[in-house]
């Protein structure tokens, strides 16, 4: 009976995974089928390397190169801002945070993870953009504004996954380092954190995926 149930669940999970793959493939096929004729008319290089996006002009322009470069700049800025803060926060929660404070901070971070992107965008529009406009000049609509906002957005993902990776490191690693005379900080940063590198890198990749 148990073997039959296992085979049934294996088939169910396989079908679910197959449906997901087929759905993504169909979306890609639909996009390419409808986009390739337009790119042929515009010209692939003009579309990819064009400097202007002005579809309402006469003649219209459909260059997406500035969008690509802007996305790279904003994502890089978000990584520079969000990754150090997120990883250090994860280390604090896993190895330094008092229990009472943890019971407050951890739910707050989990709450941030559930906030829709449009709410973050509204926060950036109402708070970050006016702040930059007031103290740095200009319109406030800049790569810096977007980088700060995306850096905040990716924090819950980086913190959550990094903390789990750090907590997954066997306690013996830390105890062995302390037994050899290492301080608490040295044991954490020289032994525990390097052992959790793969999980921390996974958190960064997931965070960048959300930022993009």
N, C-alpha and C. Protein backbone atom coordinates (compact mmCIF):
# COMPACT_ATOMS: atom_id res chain seq x y z
N UNK A 1 0.83 -1.21 0.00
CA UNK A 1 0.00 0.00 0.00
C UNK A 1 0.87 1.26 0.00
N UNK A 2 1.93 1.20 0.84
CA UNK A 2 2.82 2.36 0.92
C UNK A 2 3.51 2.62 -0.41
N UNK A 3 3.95 1.57 -1.08
CA UNK A 3 4.61 1.72 -2.38
C UNK A 3 3.66 2.30 -3.41
N UNK A 4 2.40 1.90 -3.37
CA UNK A 4 1.41 2.44 -4.30
C UNK A 4 1.19 3.93 -4.07
N UNK A 5 1.11 4.30 -2.78
CA UNK A 5 0.94 5.73 -2.45
C UNK A 5 2.15 6.53 -2.92
N UNK A 6 3.35 5.99 -2.70
CA UNK A 6 4.56 6.69 -3.13
C UNK A 6 4.59 6.86 -4.65
N UNK A 7 4.22 5.81 -5.37
CA UNK A 7 4.18 5.90 -6.83
C UNK A 7 3.14 6.92 -7.29
N UNK A 8 1.98 6.93 -6.61
CA UNK A 8 0.93 7.89 -6.96
C UNK A 8 1.41 9.31 -6.73
N UNK A 9 2.04 9.57 -5.56
CA UNK A 9 2.52 10.91 -5.26
C UNK A 9 3.64 11.31 -6.23
N UNK A 10 4.49 10.36 -6.59
CA UNK A 10 5.54 10.64 -7.57
C UNK A 10 4.93 11.06 -8.90
N UNK A 11 3.89 10.36 -9.32
CA UNK A 11 3.22 10.71 -10.57
C UNK A 11 2.56 12.08 -10.49
N UNK A 12 1.93 12.38 -9.34
CA UNK A 12 1.27 13.68 -9.15
C UNK A 12 2.29 14.81 -9.22
N UNK A 13 3.40 14.66 -8.50
CA UNK A 13 4.43 15.70 -8.50
C UNK A 13 5.06 15.85 -9.88
N UNK A 14 5.25 14.75 -10.57
CA UNK A 14 5.82 14.80 -11.92
C UNK A 14 4.89 15.56 -12.86
N UNK A 15 3.59 15.27 -12.78
CA UNK A 15 2.62 15.95 -13.64
C UNK A 15 2.58 17.44 -13.32
N UNK A 16 2.62 17.78 -12.01
CA UNK A 16 2.61 19.19 -11.61
C UNK A 16 3.83 19.92 -12.16
N UNK A 17 5.00 19.29 -12.05
CA UNK A 17 6.22 19.91 -12.58
C UNK A 17 6.15 20.04 -14.10
N UNK A 18 5.61 19.02 -14.75
CA UNK A 18 5.48 19.04 -16.21
C UNK A 18 4.55 20.16 -16.67
N UNK A 19 3.44 20.33 -15.94
CA UNK A 19 2.50 21.40 -16.28
C UNK A 19 3.17 22.76 -16.15
N UNK A 20 3.97 22.95 -15.09
CA UNK A 20 4.68 24.22 -14.91
C UNK A 20 5.64 24.48 -16.06
N UNK A 21 6.39 23.46 -16.45
CA UNK A 21 7.34 23.62 -17.55
C UNK A 21 6.62 23.93 -18.86
N UNK A 22 5.53 23.23 -19.12
CA UNK A 22 4.76 23.46 -20.34
C UNK A 22 4.19 24.87 -20.36
N UNK A 23 3.70 25.34 -19.20
CA UNK A 23 3.13 26.69 -19.12
C UNK A 23 4.18 27.74 -19.46
N UNK A 24 5.38 27.60 -18.88
CA UNK A 24 6.46 28.55 -19.17
C UNK A 24 6.85 28.48 -20.65
N UNK A 25 6.93 27.26 -21.19
CA UNK A 25 7.29 27.10 -22.60
C UNK A 25 6.25 27.75 -23.51
N UNK A 26 4.97 27.58 -23.19
CA UNK A 26 3.91 28.19 -24.01
C UNK A 26 3.96 29.71 -23.95
N UNK A 27 4.26 30.25 -22.77
CA UNK A 27 4.39 31.71 -22.65
C UNK A 27 5.53 32.21 -23.53
N UNK A 28 6.68 31.52 -23.48
CA UNK A 28 7.82 31.91 -24.31
C UNK A 28 7.49 31.81 -25.80
N UNK A 29 6.83 30.73 -26.18
CA UNK A 29 6.45 30.56 -27.59
C UNK A 29 5.51 31.68 -28.03
N UNK A 30 4.54 32.02 -27.18
CA UNK A 30 3.59 33.09 -27.51
C UNK A 30 4.32 34.42 -27.69
N UNK A 31 5.24 34.72 -26.76
CA UNK A 31 5.96 35.98 -26.84
C UNK A 31 6.82 36.05 -28.10
N UNK A 32 7.54 34.97 -28.38
CA UNK A 32 8.40 34.97 -29.57
C UNK A 32 7.58 35.00 -30.85
N UNK A 33 6.48 34.25 -30.88
CA UNK A 33 5.66 34.20 -32.09
C UNK A 33 5.07 35.56 -32.42
N UNK A 34 4.73 36.34 -31.39
CA UNK A 34 4.15 37.66 -31.63
C UNK A 34 5.19 38.76 -31.69
N UNK A 35 6.38 38.50 -31.14
CA UNK A 35 7.40 39.54 -31.11
C UNK A 35 8.36 39.51 -32.28
N UNK A 36 8.63 38.33 -32.82
CA UNK A 36 9.60 38.21 -33.92
C UNK A 36 9.17 38.99 -35.16
N UNK A 37 7.90 38.93 -35.57
CA UNK A 37 7.51 39.74 -36.74
C UNK A 37 7.75 41.23 -36.54
N UNK A 38 7.48 41.72 -35.33
CA UNK A 38 7.72 43.14 -35.06
C UNK A 38 9.21 43.45 -35.11
N UNK A 39 10.04 42.57 -34.53
CA UNK A 39 11.48 42.81 -34.55
C UNK A 39 12.04 42.74 -35.96
N UNK A 40 11.45 41.89 -36.80
CA UNK A 40 11.89 41.84 -38.20
C UNK A 40 11.61 43.16 -38.90
N UNK A 41 10.46 43.73 -38.59
CA UNK A 41 10.10 45.00 -39.24
C UNK A 41 10.96 46.15 -38.72
N UNK A 42 11.23 46.13 -37.40
CA UNK A 42 12.04 47.21 -36.81
C UNK A 42 13.51 47.02 -37.14
N UNK A 43 13.95 45.76 -37.14
CA UNK A 43 15.37 45.44 -37.24
C UNK A 43 15.89 45.04 -35.88
N UNK A 44 16.46 43.85 -35.79
CA UNK A 44 16.86 43.33 -34.48
C UNK A 44 17.88 44.22 -33.80
N UNK A 45 18.90 44.66 -34.56
CA UNK A 45 19.94 45.51 -33.97
C UNK A 45 19.38 46.87 -33.58
N UNK A 46 18.49 47.43 -34.42
CA UNK A 46 17.86 48.70 -34.07
C UNK A 46 17.02 48.57 -32.80
N UNK A 47 16.36 47.42 -32.66
CA UNK A 47 15.54 47.18 -31.47
C UNK A 47 16.41 47.02 -30.23
N UNK A 48 17.50 46.27 -30.37
CA UNK A 48 18.34 45.95 -29.22
C UNK A 48 19.28 47.09 -28.85
N UNK A 49 19.80 47.80 -29.84
CA UNK A 49 20.81 48.83 -29.59
C UNK A 49 20.31 50.25 -29.82
N UNK A 50 19.03 50.39 -30.17
CA UNK A 50 18.48 51.73 -30.38
C UNK A 50 18.51 52.55 -29.11
N UNK A 51 18.71 53.87 -29.27
CA UNK A 51 18.87 54.75 -28.12
C UNK A 51 17.58 55.42 -27.66
N UNK A 52 16.49 55.24 -28.40
CA UNK A 52 15.24 55.93 -28.04
C UNK A 52 14.08 54.97 -28.08
N UNK A 53 13.15 55.16 -27.12
CA UNK A 53 11.88 54.43 -27.13
C UNK A 53 10.77 55.48 -27.25
N UNK A 54 10.28 55.66 -28.45
CA UNK A 54 9.25 56.67 -28.71
C UNK A 54 8.26 56.10 -29.72
N UNK A 55 7.40 55.16 -29.30
CA UNK A 55 6.48 54.51 -30.24
C UNK A 55 5.42 55.42 -30.81
N UNK A 56 5.18 56.59 -30.18
CA UNK A 56 4.14 57.50 -30.65
C UNK A 56 4.67 58.55 -31.62
N UNK A 57 5.99 58.60 -31.77
CA UNK A 57 6.57 59.57 -32.70
C UNK A 57 6.32 59.16 -34.15
N UNK A 58 6.60 60.08 -35.05
CA UNK A 58 6.49 59.79 -36.48
C UNK A 58 7.80 60.21 -37.15
N UNK A 59 8.63 59.27 -37.55
CA UNK A 59 8.48 57.80 -37.43
C UNK A 59 8.76 57.35 -36.00
N UNK A 60 8.20 56.23 -35.59
CA UNK A 60 8.39 55.75 -34.22
C UNK A 60 9.79 55.17 -34.01
N UNK A 61 10.23 55.17 -32.76
CA UNK A 61 11.51 54.57 -32.39
C UNK A 61 11.27 53.49 -31.34
N UNK A 62 11.95 52.37 -31.49
CA UNK A 62 11.72 51.23 -30.59
C UNK A 62 13.04 50.69 -30.04
N UNK A 63 13.92 51.56 -29.61
CA UNK A 63 15.20 51.11 -29.05
C UNK A 63 15.09 50.83 -27.56
N UNK A 64 15.55 49.66 -27.14
CA UNK A 64 15.46 49.28 -25.72
C UNK A 64 16.82 49.29 -25.02
N UNK A 65 17.86 49.75 -25.69
CA UNK A 65 19.19 49.73 -25.08
C UNK A 65 19.26 50.53 -23.78
N UNK A 66 18.69 51.75 -23.72
CA UNK A 66 18.71 52.48 -22.44
C UNK A 66 18.00 51.72 -21.32
N UNK A 67 16.94 50.98 -21.65
CA UNK A 67 16.24 50.20 -20.63
C UNK A 67 17.12 49.07 -20.09
N UNK A 68 17.86 48.44 -21.00
CA UNK A 68 18.75 47.35 -20.59
C UNK A 68 19.84 47.89 -19.67
N UNK A 69 20.47 48.99 -20.09
CA UNK A 69 21.54 49.58 -19.28
C UNK A 69 21.00 50.06 -17.94
N UNK A 70 19.83 50.70 -17.97
CA UNK A 70 19.22 51.16 -16.72
C UNK A 70 18.93 50.01 -15.77
N UNK A 71 18.44 48.91 -16.30
CA UNK A 71 18.17 47.73 -15.45
C UNK A 71 19.45 47.20 -14.82
N UNK A 72 20.53 47.19 -15.60
CA UNK A 72 21.82 46.71 -15.06
C UNK A 72 22.30 47.63 -13.96
N UNK A 73 22.23 48.94 -14.18
CA UNK A 73 22.68 49.90 -13.17
C UNK A 73 21.86 49.79 -11.89
N UNK A 74 20.55 49.73 -12.05
CA UNK A 74 19.67 49.68 -10.87
C UNK A 74 19.88 48.38 -10.10
N UNK A 75 20.01 47.27 -10.82
CA UNK A 75 20.24 45.99 -10.14
C UNK A 75 21.57 45.98 -9.41
N UNK A 76 22.61 46.53 -10.05
CA UNK A 76 23.92 46.60 -9.39
C UNK A 76 23.85 47.48 -8.15
N UNK A 77 23.13 48.60 -8.25
CA UNK A 77 22.97 49.47 -7.08
C UNK A 77 22.22 48.78 -5.96
N UNK A 78 21.19 48.02 -6.31
CA UNK A 78 20.42 47.29 -5.30
C UNK A 78 21.29 46.25 -4.61
N UNK A 79 22.17 45.59 -5.38
CA UNK A 79 23.08 44.60 -4.79
C UNK A 79 24.05 45.27 -3.83
N UNK A 80 24.60 46.41 -4.25
CA UNK A 80 25.56 47.13 -3.40
C UNK A 80 24.91 47.57 -2.10
N UNK A 81 23.66 47.99 -2.16
CA UNK A 81 22.96 48.48 -0.97
C UNK A 81 22.39 47.33 -0.15
N UNK A 82 21.73 46.39 -0.82
CA UNK A 82 20.96 45.38 -0.09
C UNK A 82 21.75 44.20 0.43
N UNK A 83 22.77 43.76 -0.32
CA UNK A 83 23.49 42.54 0.08
C UNK A 83 24.25 42.71 1.40
N UNK A 84 25.08 43.75 1.57
CA UNK A 84 25.77 43.88 2.87
C UNK A 84 24.81 44.01 4.05
N UNK A 85 23.77 44.83 3.87
CA UNK A 85 22.80 45.02 4.96
C UNK A 85 22.08 43.71 5.26
N UNK A 86 21.66 43.01 4.22
CA UNK A 86 20.92 41.77 4.41
C UNK A 86 21.74 40.68 5.06
N UNK A 87 22.98 40.49 4.59
CA UNK A 87 23.83 39.43 5.15
C UNK A 87 24.21 39.74 6.59
N UNK A 88 24.57 40.99 6.87
CA UNK A 88 24.93 41.35 8.25
C UNK A 88 23.73 41.24 9.19
N UNK A 89 22.55 41.58 8.69
CA UNK A 89 21.35 41.41 9.51
C UNK A 89 21.08 39.94 9.79
N UNK A 90 21.29 39.09 8.79
CA UNK A 90 21.11 37.65 8.99
C UNK A 90 22.08 37.11 10.03
N UNK A 91 23.33 37.57 9.98
CA UNK A 91 24.32 37.14 10.97
C UNK A 91 23.91 37.60 12.36
N UNK A 92 23.43 38.83 12.46
CA UNK A 92 22.97 39.36 13.76
C UNK A 92 21.82 38.53 14.31
N UNK A 93 20.84 38.22 13.46
CA UNK A 93 19.68 37.46 13.92
C UNK A 93 20.07 36.04 14.34
N UNK A 94 21.01 35.45 13.61
CA UNK A 94 21.37 34.05 13.88
C UNK A 94 22.30 33.89 15.07
N UNK A 95 23.18 34.89 15.30
CA UNK A 95 24.24 34.69 16.29
C UNK A 95 24.33 35.74 17.39
N UNK A 96 23.64 36.86 17.24
CA UNK A 96 23.80 37.93 18.21
C UNK A 96 22.49 38.40 18.83
N UNK A 97 21.39 38.24 18.14
CA UNK A 97 20.13 38.87 18.54
C UNK A 97 19.56 38.23 19.81
N UNK A 98 19.21 39.06 20.82
CA UNK A 98 18.53 38.53 22.01
C UNK A 98 17.17 37.95 21.64
N UNK A 99 16.70 37.00 22.43
CA UNK A 99 15.45 36.31 22.11
C UNK A 99 14.26 37.26 22.05
N UNK A 100 14.19 38.20 22.99
CA UNK A 100 13.06 39.13 23.02
C UNK A 100 13.04 40.01 21.77
N UNK A 101 14.21 40.51 21.39
CA UNK A 101 14.28 41.35 20.18
C UNK A 101 14.01 40.52 18.94
N UNK A 102 14.46 39.27 18.92
CA UNK A 102 14.24 38.39 17.77
C UNK A 102 12.75 38.18 17.52
N UNK A 103 11.99 38.04 18.60
CA UNK A 103 10.54 37.82 18.45
C UNK A 103 9.84 39.02 17.84
N UNK A 104 10.48 40.18 17.86
CA UNK A 104 9.90 41.38 17.24
C UNK A 104 10.43 41.58 15.82
N UNK A 105 11.75 41.43 15.67
CA UNK A 105 12.39 41.73 14.38
C UNK A 105 12.04 40.69 13.32
N UNK A 106 12.05 39.41 13.69
CA UNK A 106 11.81 38.36 12.70
C UNK A 106 10.43 38.48 12.05
N UNK A 107 9.34 38.65 12.82
CA UNK A 107 8.03 38.84 12.16
C UNK A 107 7.97 40.09 11.29
N UNK A 108 8.69 41.14 11.71
CA UNK A 108 8.70 42.37 10.91
C UNK A 108 9.35 42.11 9.55
N UNK A 109 10.44 41.35 9.53
CA UNK A 109 11.10 41.01 8.26
C UNK A 109 10.20 40.13 7.40
N UNK A 110 9.53 39.17 8.04
CA UNK A 110 8.61 38.32 7.29
C UNK A 110 7.45 39.13 6.72
N UNK A 111 7.02 40.15 7.46
CA UNK A 111 5.96 41.03 6.96
C UNK A 111 6.43 41.80 5.74
N UNK A 112 7.69 42.26 5.75
CA UNK A 112 8.23 42.96 4.59
C UNK A 112 8.22 42.08 3.35
N UNK A 113 8.46 40.78 3.55
CA UNK A 113 8.48 39.86 2.41
C UNK A 113 7.12 39.71 1.76
N UNK A 114 6.06 39.98 2.52
CA UNK A 114 4.71 39.82 1.97
C UNK A 114 4.12 41.08 1.38
N UNK A 115 4.86 42.18 1.44
CA UNK A 115 4.34 43.44 0.90
C UNK A 115 4.45 43.42 -0.63
N UNK A 116 3.39 43.74 -1.35
CA UNK A 116 3.45 43.73 -2.83
C UNK A 116 4.42 44.77 -3.37
N UNK A 117 4.95 44.49 -4.54
CA UNK A 117 5.92 45.40 -5.16
C UNK A 117 5.34 46.78 -5.41
N UNK A 118 4.04 46.84 -5.72
CA UNK A 118 3.42 48.13 -6.01
C UNK A 118 3.41 49.02 -4.77
N UNK A 119 3.32 48.41 -3.59
CA UNK A 119 3.37 49.19 -2.35
C UNK A 119 4.77 49.75 -2.14
N UNK A 120 5.78 48.93 -2.42
CA UNK A 120 7.15 49.44 -2.35
C UNK A 120 7.33 50.60 -3.33
N UNK A 121 6.78 50.46 -4.53
CA UNK A 121 6.89 51.53 -5.50
C UNK A 121 6.24 52.82 -5.03
N UNK A 122 5.08 52.69 -4.39
CA UNK A 122 4.39 53.87 -3.87
C UNK A 122 5.21 54.51 -2.75
N UNK A 123 5.82 53.68 -1.90
CA UNK A 123 6.68 54.20 -0.83
C UNK A 123 7.86 54.97 -1.43
N UNK A 124 8.47 54.40 -2.46
CA UNK A 124 9.57 55.09 -3.11
C UNK A 124 9.16 56.42 -3.71
N UNK A 125 7.97 56.43 -4.32
CA UNK A 125 7.47 57.65 -4.96
C UNK A 125 7.16 58.73 -3.95
N UNK A 126 6.62 58.33 -2.79
CA UNK A 126 6.17 59.29 -1.79
C UNK A 126 7.26 59.68 -0.78
N UNK A 127 8.26 58.81 -0.58
CA UNK A 127 9.25 59.06 0.47
C UNK A 127 10.66 59.22 -0.10
N UNK A 128 11.13 58.22 -0.84
CA UNK A 128 12.53 58.23 -1.29
C UNK A 128 12.78 59.32 -2.32
N UNK A 129 11.89 59.43 -3.32
CA UNK A 129 12.08 60.44 -4.37
C UNK A 129 12.06 61.86 -3.80
N UNK A 130 11.07 62.25 -2.96
CA UNK A 130 11.12 63.60 -2.37
C UNK A 130 12.35 63.83 -1.50
N UNK A 131 12.79 62.79 -0.77
CA UNK A 131 13.98 62.94 0.08
C UNK A 131 15.21 63.26 -0.77
N UNK A 132 15.41 62.51 -1.84
CA UNK A 132 16.56 62.75 -2.72
C UNK A 132 16.44 64.10 -3.42
N UNK A 133 15.21 64.46 -3.81
CA UNK A 133 14.99 65.76 -4.46
C UNK A 133 15.36 66.90 -3.51
N UNK A 134 15.03 66.75 -2.23
CA UNK A 134 15.26 67.81 -1.26
C UNK A 134 16.74 67.94 -0.89
N UNK A 135 17.40 66.82 -0.67
CA UNK A 135 18.75 66.86 -0.12
C UNK A 135 19.86 66.69 -1.16
N UNK A 136 19.56 66.15 -2.32
CA UNK A 136 20.58 65.96 -3.35
C UNK A 136 20.31 66.75 -4.61
N UNK A 137 19.11 67.33 -4.73
CA UNK A 137 18.78 68.11 -5.90
C UNK A 137 18.25 67.26 -7.04
N UNK A 138 17.87 67.92 -8.11
CA UNK A 138 17.32 67.21 -9.25
C UNK A 138 15.87 66.85 -9.03
N UNK A 139 15.34 66.03 -9.92
CA UNK A 139 13.93 65.64 -9.83
C UNK A 139 13.69 64.56 -8.79
N UNK A 140 14.74 63.83 -8.42
CA UNK A 140 14.57 62.71 -7.48
C UNK A 140 14.32 61.39 -8.17
N UNK A 141 13.91 61.44 -9.43
CA UNK A 141 13.67 60.21 -10.20
C UNK A 141 15.00 59.77 -10.81
N UNK A 142 15.71 58.93 -10.12
CA UNK A 142 17.08 58.60 -10.53
C UNK A 142 17.39 57.14 -10.28
N UNK A 143 18.55 56.73 -10.75
CA UNK A 143 19.03 55.37 -10.50
C UNK A 143 19.22 55.15 -9.01
N UNK A 144 19.66 56.18 -8.30
CA UNK A 144 19.85 56.06 -6.85
C UNK A 144 18.54 55.74 -6.15
N UNK A 145 17.47 56.45 -6.52
CA UNK A 145 16.16 56.19 -5.91
C UNK A 145 15.72 54.75 -6.14
N UNK A 146 15.83 54.31 -7.39
CA UNK A 146 15.41 52.95 -7.72
C UNK A 146 16.29 51.92 -7.03
N UNK A 147 17.60 52.20 -6.92
CA UNK A 147 18.51 51.25 -6.27
C UNK A 147 18.19 51.12 -4.79
N UNK A 148 17.92 52.23 -4.13
CA UNK A 148 17.56 52.18 -2.71
C UNK A 148 16.28 51.39 -2.51
N UNK A 149 15.30 51.66 -3.35
CA UNK A 149 14.01 50.96 -3.23
C UNK A 149 14.17 49.46 -3.46
N UNK A 150 14.88 49.08 -4.51
CA UNK A 150 15.08 47.65 -4.78
C UNK A 150 15.96 47.01 -3.71
N UNK A 151 16.92 47.78 -3.18
CA UNK A 151 17.73 47.26 -2.09
C UNK A 151 16.89 46.91 -0.87
N UNK A 152 15.88 47.74 -0.59
CA UNK A 152 14.95 47.45 0.51
C UNK A 152 14.09 46.24 0.17
N UNK A 153 13.66 46.15 -1.08
CA UNK A 153 12.79 45.05 -1.50
C UNK A 153 13.45 43.68 -1.35
N UNK A 154 14.75 43.60 -1.64
CA UNK A 154 15.41 42.30 -1.62
C UNK A 154 15.88 41.90 -0.22
N UNK A 155 15.79 42.82 0.74
CA UNK A 155 16.27 42.51 2.09
C UNK A 155 15.59 41.28 2.71
N UNK A 156 14.25 41.18 2.70
CA UNK A 156 13.62 40.02 3.34
C UNK A 156 14.09 38.68 2.78
N UNK A 157 14.26 38.62 1.46
CA UNK A 157 14.72 37.37 0.84
C UNK A 157 16.14 37.03 1.27
N UNK A 158 17.03 38.00 1.20
CA UNK A 158 18.42 37.75 1.57
C UNK A 158 18.54 37.40 3.05
N UNK A 159 17.83 38.15 3.90
CA UNK A 159 17.92 37.91 5.34
C UNK A 159 17.38 36.53 5.69
N UNK A 160 16.21 36.19 5.15
CA UNK A 160 15.58 34.92 5.50
C UNK A 160 16.41 33.72 5.09
N UNK A 161 16.85 33.69 3.84
CA UNK A 161 17.61 32.53 3.35
C UNK A 161 19.00 32.48 3.98
N UNK A 162 19.65 33.64 4.14
CA UNK A 162 20.98 33.66 4.74
C UNK A 162 20.94 33.21 6.20
N UNK A 163 19.93 33.67 6.92
CA UNK A 163 19.81 33.25 8.32
C UNK A 163 19.62 31.74 8.43
N UNK A 164 18.78 31.19 7.57
CA UNK A 164 18.57 29.73 7.57
C UNK A 164 19.87 28.99 7.26
N UNK A 165 20.64 29.52 6.30
CA UNK A 165 21.92 28.88 5.95
C UNK A 165 22.90 28.93 7.12
N UNK A 166 22.94 30.06 7.81
CA UNK A 166 23.86 30.20 8.95
C UNK A 166 23.44 29.27 10.09
N UNK A 167 22.15 29.19 10.36
CA UNK A 167 21.67 28.31 11.43
C UNK A 167 21.86 26.83 11.07
N UNK A 168 21.95 26.52 9.79
CA UNK A 168 22.13 25.13 9.36
C UNK A 168 23.56 24.63 9.55
N UNK A 169 24.50 25.55 9.79
CA UNK A 169 25.89 25.14 10.02
C UNK A 169 25.96 24.39 11.36
N UNK A 170 26.55 23.22 11.39
CA UNK A 170 26.61 22.45 12.64
C UNK A 170 27.23 23.25 13.78
N UNK A 171 26.67 23.10 14.96
CA UNK A 171 27.14 23.81 16.15
C UNK A 171 28.61 23.48 16.44
N UNK A 172 29.05 22.28 16.05
CA UNK A 172 30.42 21.86 16.33
C UNK A 172 31.45 22.77 15.67
N UNK A 173 31.11 23.38 14.53
CA UNK A 173 32.04 24.29 13.86
C UNK A 173 32.37 25.46 14.78
N UNK A 174 31.32 26.07 15.33
CA UNK A 174 31.51 27.21 16.22
C UNK A 174 32.24 26.78 17.49
N UNK A 175 31.81 25.69 18.09
CA UNK A 175 32.41 25.23 19.34
C UNK A 175 33.88 24.87 19.15
N UNK A 176 34.20 24.26 18.02
CA UNK A 176 35.60 23.92 17.74
C UNK A 176 36.47 25.15 17.62
N UNK A 177 35.95 26.19 16.95
CA UNK A 177 36.72 27.43 16.81
C UNK A 177 36.94 28.09 18.16
N UNK A 178 35.91 28.11 19.00
CA UNK A 178 36.04 28.71 20.33
C UNK A 178 37.01 27.90 21.18
N UNK A 179 36.96 26.59 21.06
CA UNK A 179 37.87 25.73 21.83
C UNK A 179 39.33 25.97 21.45
N UNK A 180 39.56 26.41 20.22
CA UNK A 180 40.92 26.70 19.77
C UNK A 180 41.37 28.10 20.16
N UNK A 181 40.51 28.84 20.86
CA UNK A 181 40.88 30.16 21.36
C UNK A 181 40.31 31.33 20.59
N UNK A 182 39.46 31.07 19.61
CA UNK A 182 38.86 32.17 18.83
C UNK A 182 37.81 32.89 19.66
N UNK A 183 37.70 34.19 19.45
CA UNK A 183 36.63 34.95 20.09
C UNK A 183 35.30 34.62 19.42
N UNK A 184 34.21 35.10 20.03
CA UNK A 184 32.89 34.84 19.45
C UNK A 184 32.81 35.41 18.04
N UNK A 185 33.27 36.65 17.87
CA UNK A 185 33.20 37.29 16.56
C UNK A 185 34.04 36.55 15.53
N UNK A 186 35.24 36.16 15.93
CA UNK A 186 36.11 35.46 14.98
C UNK A 186 35.55 34.09 14.63
N UNK A 187 34.98 33.41 15.61
CA UNK A 187 34.39 32.09 15.33
C UNK A 187 33.23 32.21 14.36
N UNK A 188 32.43 33.28 14.52
CA UNK A 188 31.28 33.47 13.64
C UNK A 188 31.72 33.84 12.23
N UNK A 189 32.60 34.85 12.13
CA UNK A 189 32.94 35.39 10.81
C UNK A 189 34.01 34.56 10.08
N UNK A 190 34.84 33.83 10.81
CA UNK A 190 35.90 33.06 10.17
C UNK A 190 35.56 31.59 10.00
N UNK A 191 34.54 31.12 10.70
CA UNK A 191 34.20 29.69 10.63
C UNK A 191 32.77 29.45 10.17
N UNK A 192 31.81 30.06 10.88
CA UNK A 192 30.40 29.77 10.59
C UNK A 192 29.97 30.38 9.26
N UNK A 193 30.26 31.66 9.06
CA UNK A 193 29.82 32.34 7.84
C UNK A 193 30.43 31.71 6.58
N UNK A 194 31.75 31.43 6.55
CA UNK A 194 32.28 30.75 5.35
C UNK A 194 31.63 29.40 5.10
N UNK A 195 31.26 28.69 6.16
CA UNK A 195 30.60 27.39 5.97
C UNK A 195 29.21 27.54 5.38
N UNK A 196 28.61 28.73 5.55
CA UNK A 196 27.26 28.99 5.03
C UNK A 196 27.28 29.75 3.72
N UNK A 197 28.45 29.83 3.08
CA UNK A 197 28.60 30.64 1.87
C UNK A 197 27.64 30.24 0.76
N UNK A 198 27.46 28.94 0.55
CA UNK A 198 26.58 28.50 -0.54
C UNK A 198 25.15 28.97 -0.32
N UNK A 199 24.67 28.89 0.91
CA UNK A 199 23.32 29.37 1.20
C UNK A 199 23.20 30.87 1.08
N UNK A 200 24.25 31.59 1.48
CA UNK A 200 24.23 33.05 1.36
C UNK A 200 24.22 33.46 -0.10
N UNK A 201 25.02 32.79 -0.92
CA UNK A 201 25.02 33.08 -2.36
C UNK A 201 23.66 32.78 -2.98
N UNK A 202 23.02 31.71 -2.52
CA UNK A 202 21.67 31.40 -3.01
C UNK A 202 20.69 32.51 -2.65
N UNK A 203 20.83 33.07 -1.45
CA UNK A 203 19.94 34.16 -1.04
C UNK A 203 20.15 35.40 -1.90
N UNK A 204 21.41 35.66 -2.25
CA UNK A 204 21.70 36.82 -3.10
C UNK A 204 21.11 36.63 -4.49
N UNK A 205 21.24 35.42 -5.03
CA UNK A 205 20.67 35.14 -6.36
C UNK A 205 19.16 35.30 -6.34
N UNK A 206 18.51 34.79 -5.29
CA UNK A 206 17.05 34.94 -5.18
C UNK A 206 16.66 36.41 -5.04
N UNK A 207 17.45 37.16 -4.26
CA UNK A 207 17.16 38.58 -4.11
C UNK A 207 17.31 39.34 -5.41
N UNK A 208 18.38 39.03 -6.15
CA UNK A 208 18.58 39.69 -7.45
C UNK A 208 17.46 39.33 -8.40
N UNK A 209 17.00 38.08 -8.34
CA UNK A 209 15.87 37.68 -9.18
C UNK A 209 14.64 38.50 -8.90
N UNK A 210 14.39 38.80 -7.64
CA UNK A 210 13.23 39.64 -7.33
C UNK A 210 13.46 41.07 -7.79
N UNK A 211 14.69 41.56 -7.63
CA UNK A 211 14.98 42.93 -8.05
C UNK A 211 14.80 43.10 -9.55
N UNK A 212 15.25 42.11 -10.33
CA UNK A 212 15.12 42.20 -11.79
C UNK A 212 13.66 42.13 -12.19
